[in-house]
């Protein structure tokens, strides 16, 4: 699942990517970065969320993977 978040008043533009909730709620961190394009931010968010799912599985945690990407302007 991919959710776009924006707040024109503050200039916030962010993506929330959830790769999996099969093993439990998704968890992951927040990355703030300047991206060349929205497509690059989407690719990064999805890749990071997938990696969090793998990390949770390897650690045998009852959780899936997610990641929030804040796009710096």
C-alpha atoms as a PDB file:
ATOM      1  CA  UNK A   1       0.000   0.000   0.000  1.00  0.00           C
ATOM      2  CA  UNK A   2       1.282   3.455  -0.864  1.00  0.00           C
ATOM      3  CA  UNK A   3      -0.185   6.638   0.611  1.00  0.00           C
ATOM      4  CA  UNK A   4       0.721  10.171  -0.432  1.00  0.00           C
ATOM      5  CA  UNK A   5       0.586  12.884   2.231  1.00  0.00           C
ATOM      6  CA  UNK A   6       0.865  16.612   1.627  1.00  0.00           C
ATOM      7  CA  UNK A   7       0.223  19.813   3.532  1.00  0.00           C
ATOM      8  CA  UNK A   8       0.443  22.915   1.343  1.00  0.00           C
ATOM      9  CA  UNK A   9       0.614  25.262   4.336  1.00  0.00           C
ATOM     10  CA  UNK A  10       3.809  23.660   5.657  1.00  0.00           C
ATOM     11  CA  UNK A  11       5.161  22.391   2.335  1.00  0.00           C
ATOM     12  CA  UNK A  12       5.157  18.790   3.562  1.00  0.00           C
ATOM     13  CA  UNK A  13       5.263  16.086   0.889  1.00  0.00           C
ATOM     14  CA  UNK A  14       5.637  12.500   2.066  1.00  0.00           C
ATOM     15  CA  UNK A  15       4.953   8.881   1.154  1.00  0.00           C
ATOM     16  CA  UNK A  16       3.986   6.063   3.474  1.00  0.00           C
ATOM     17  CA  UNK A  17       4.762   2.631   2.056  1.00  0.00           C
ATOM     18  CA  UNK A  18       3.507  -0.553   3.705  1.00  0.00           C
ATOM     19  CA  UNK A  19       4.965  -3.707   2.226  1.00  0.00           C
ATOM     20  CA  UNK A  20       3.323  -6.336   4.419  1.00  0.00           C
ATOM     21  CA  UNK A  21       1.109  -6.819   7.464  1.00  0.00           C
ATOM     22  CA  UNK A  22       0.971 -10.610   7.076  1.00  0.00           C
ATOM     23  CA  UNK A  23       3.045 -11.283  10.222  1.00  0.00           C
ATOM     24  CA  UNK A  24       1.666  -8.296  12.169  1.00  0.00           C
ATOM     25  CA  UNK A  25       1.565  -4.500  11.999  1.00  0.00           C
ATOM     26  CA  UNK A  26       4.057  -2.822   9.694  1.00  0.00           C
ATOM     27  CA  UNK A  27       6.933  -0.941  11.241  1.00  0.00           C
ATOM     28  CA  UNK A  28       9.864   1.045   9.945  1.00  0.00           C
ATOM     29  CA  UNK A  29      11.570   4.382  10.164  1.00  0.00           C
ATOM     30  CA  UNK A  30      11.397   7.752   8.475  1.00  0.00           C
ATOM     31  CA  UNK A  31      13.771   8.947   5.767  1.00  0.00           C
ATOM     32  CA  UNK A  32      14.019  12.639   4.841  1.00  0.00           C
ATOM     33  CA  UNK A  33      15.817  13.216   1.564  1.00  0.00           C
ATOM     34  CA  UNK A  34      15.828  15.324  -1.597  1.00  0.00           C
ATOM     35  CA  UNK A  35      14.784  13.220  -4.590  1.00  0.00           C
ATOM     36  CA  UNK A  36      15.292  13.869  -8.308  1.00  0.00           C
ATOM     37  CA  UNK A  37      11.660  12.946  -8.979  1.00  0.00           C
ATOM     38  CA  UNK A  38       8.501  11.681  -7.330  1.00  0.00           C
ATOM     39  CA  UNK A  39       9.124   8.358  -9.057  1.00  0.00           C
ATOM     40  CA  UNK A  40      12.517   8.057  -7.352  1.00  0.00           C
ATOM     41  CA  UNK A  41      10.913   8.721  -3.959  1.00  0.00           C
ATOM     42  CA  UNK A  42       8.261   6.066  -4.616  1.00  0.00           C
ATOM     43  CA  UNK A  43      10.881   3.502  -5.642  1.00  0.00           C
ATOM     44  CA  UNK A  44      12.943   4.243  -2.532  1.00  0.00           C
ATOM     45  CA  UNK A  45       9.944   4.022  -0.170  1.00  0.00           C
ATOM     46  CA  UNK A  46       8.834   0.678  -1.616  1.00  0.00           C
ATOM     47  CA  UNK A  47      12.362  -0.758  -1.528  1.00  0.00           C
ATOM     48  CA  UNK A  48      12.874   0.340   2.074  1.00  0.00           C
ATOM     49  CA  UNK A  49       9.504  -1.078   3.180  1.00  0.00           C
ATOM     50  CA  UNK A  50      10.368  -4.424   1.563  1.00  0.00           C
ATOM     51  CA  UNK A  51      13.702  -4.441   3.383  1.00  0.00           C
ATOM     52  CA  UNK A  52      11.931  -3.827   6.707  1.00  0.00           C
ATOM     53  CA  UNK A  53       9.677  -6.845   6.060  1.00  0.00           C
ATOM     54  CA  UNK A  54      12.763  -8.995   5.479  1.00  0.00           C
ATOM     55  CA  UNK A  55      14.482  -7.676   8.615  1.00  0.00           C
ATOM     56  CA  UNK A  56      11.400  -8.400  10.733  1.00  0.00           C
ATOM     57  CA  UNK A  57      11.148 -11.925   9.309  1.00  0.00           C
ATOM     58  CA  UNK A  58      14.841 -12.681   9.903  1.00  0.00           C
ATOM     59  CA  UNK A  59      14.477 -11.452  13.503  1.00  0.00           C
ATOM     60  CA  UNK A  60      11.305 -13.587  13.825  1.00  0.00           C
ATOM     61  CA  UNK A  61       9.295 -10.543  14.894  1.00  0.00           C
ATOM     62  CA  UNK A  62       5.499 -10.529  14.634  1.00  0.00           C
ATOM     63  CA  UNK A  63       5.619  -7.539  12.278  1.00  0.00           C
ATOM     64  CA  UNK A  64       5.723  -6.515   8.649  1.00  0.00           C
ATOM     65  CA  UNK A  65       7.592  -3.734   6.912  1.00  0.00           C
ATOM     66  CA  UNK A  66       6.792  -0.122   6.253  1.00  0.00           C
ATOM     67  CA  UNK A  67       8.621   3.124   5.646  1.00  0.00           C
ATOM     68  CA  UNK A  68       7.832   6.826   5.526  1.00  0.00           C
ATOM     69  CA  UNK A  69       9.746   9.007   3.087  1.00  0.00           C
ATOM     70  CA  UNK A  70       9.613  12.783   3.554  1.00  0.00           C
ATOM     71  CA  UNK A  71      10.568  14.589   0.357  1.00  0.00           C
ATOM     72  CA  UNK A  72      12.835  17.554   1.062  1.00  0.00           C
ATOM     73  CA  UNK A  73      12.360  20.540  -1.206  1.00  0.00           C
END
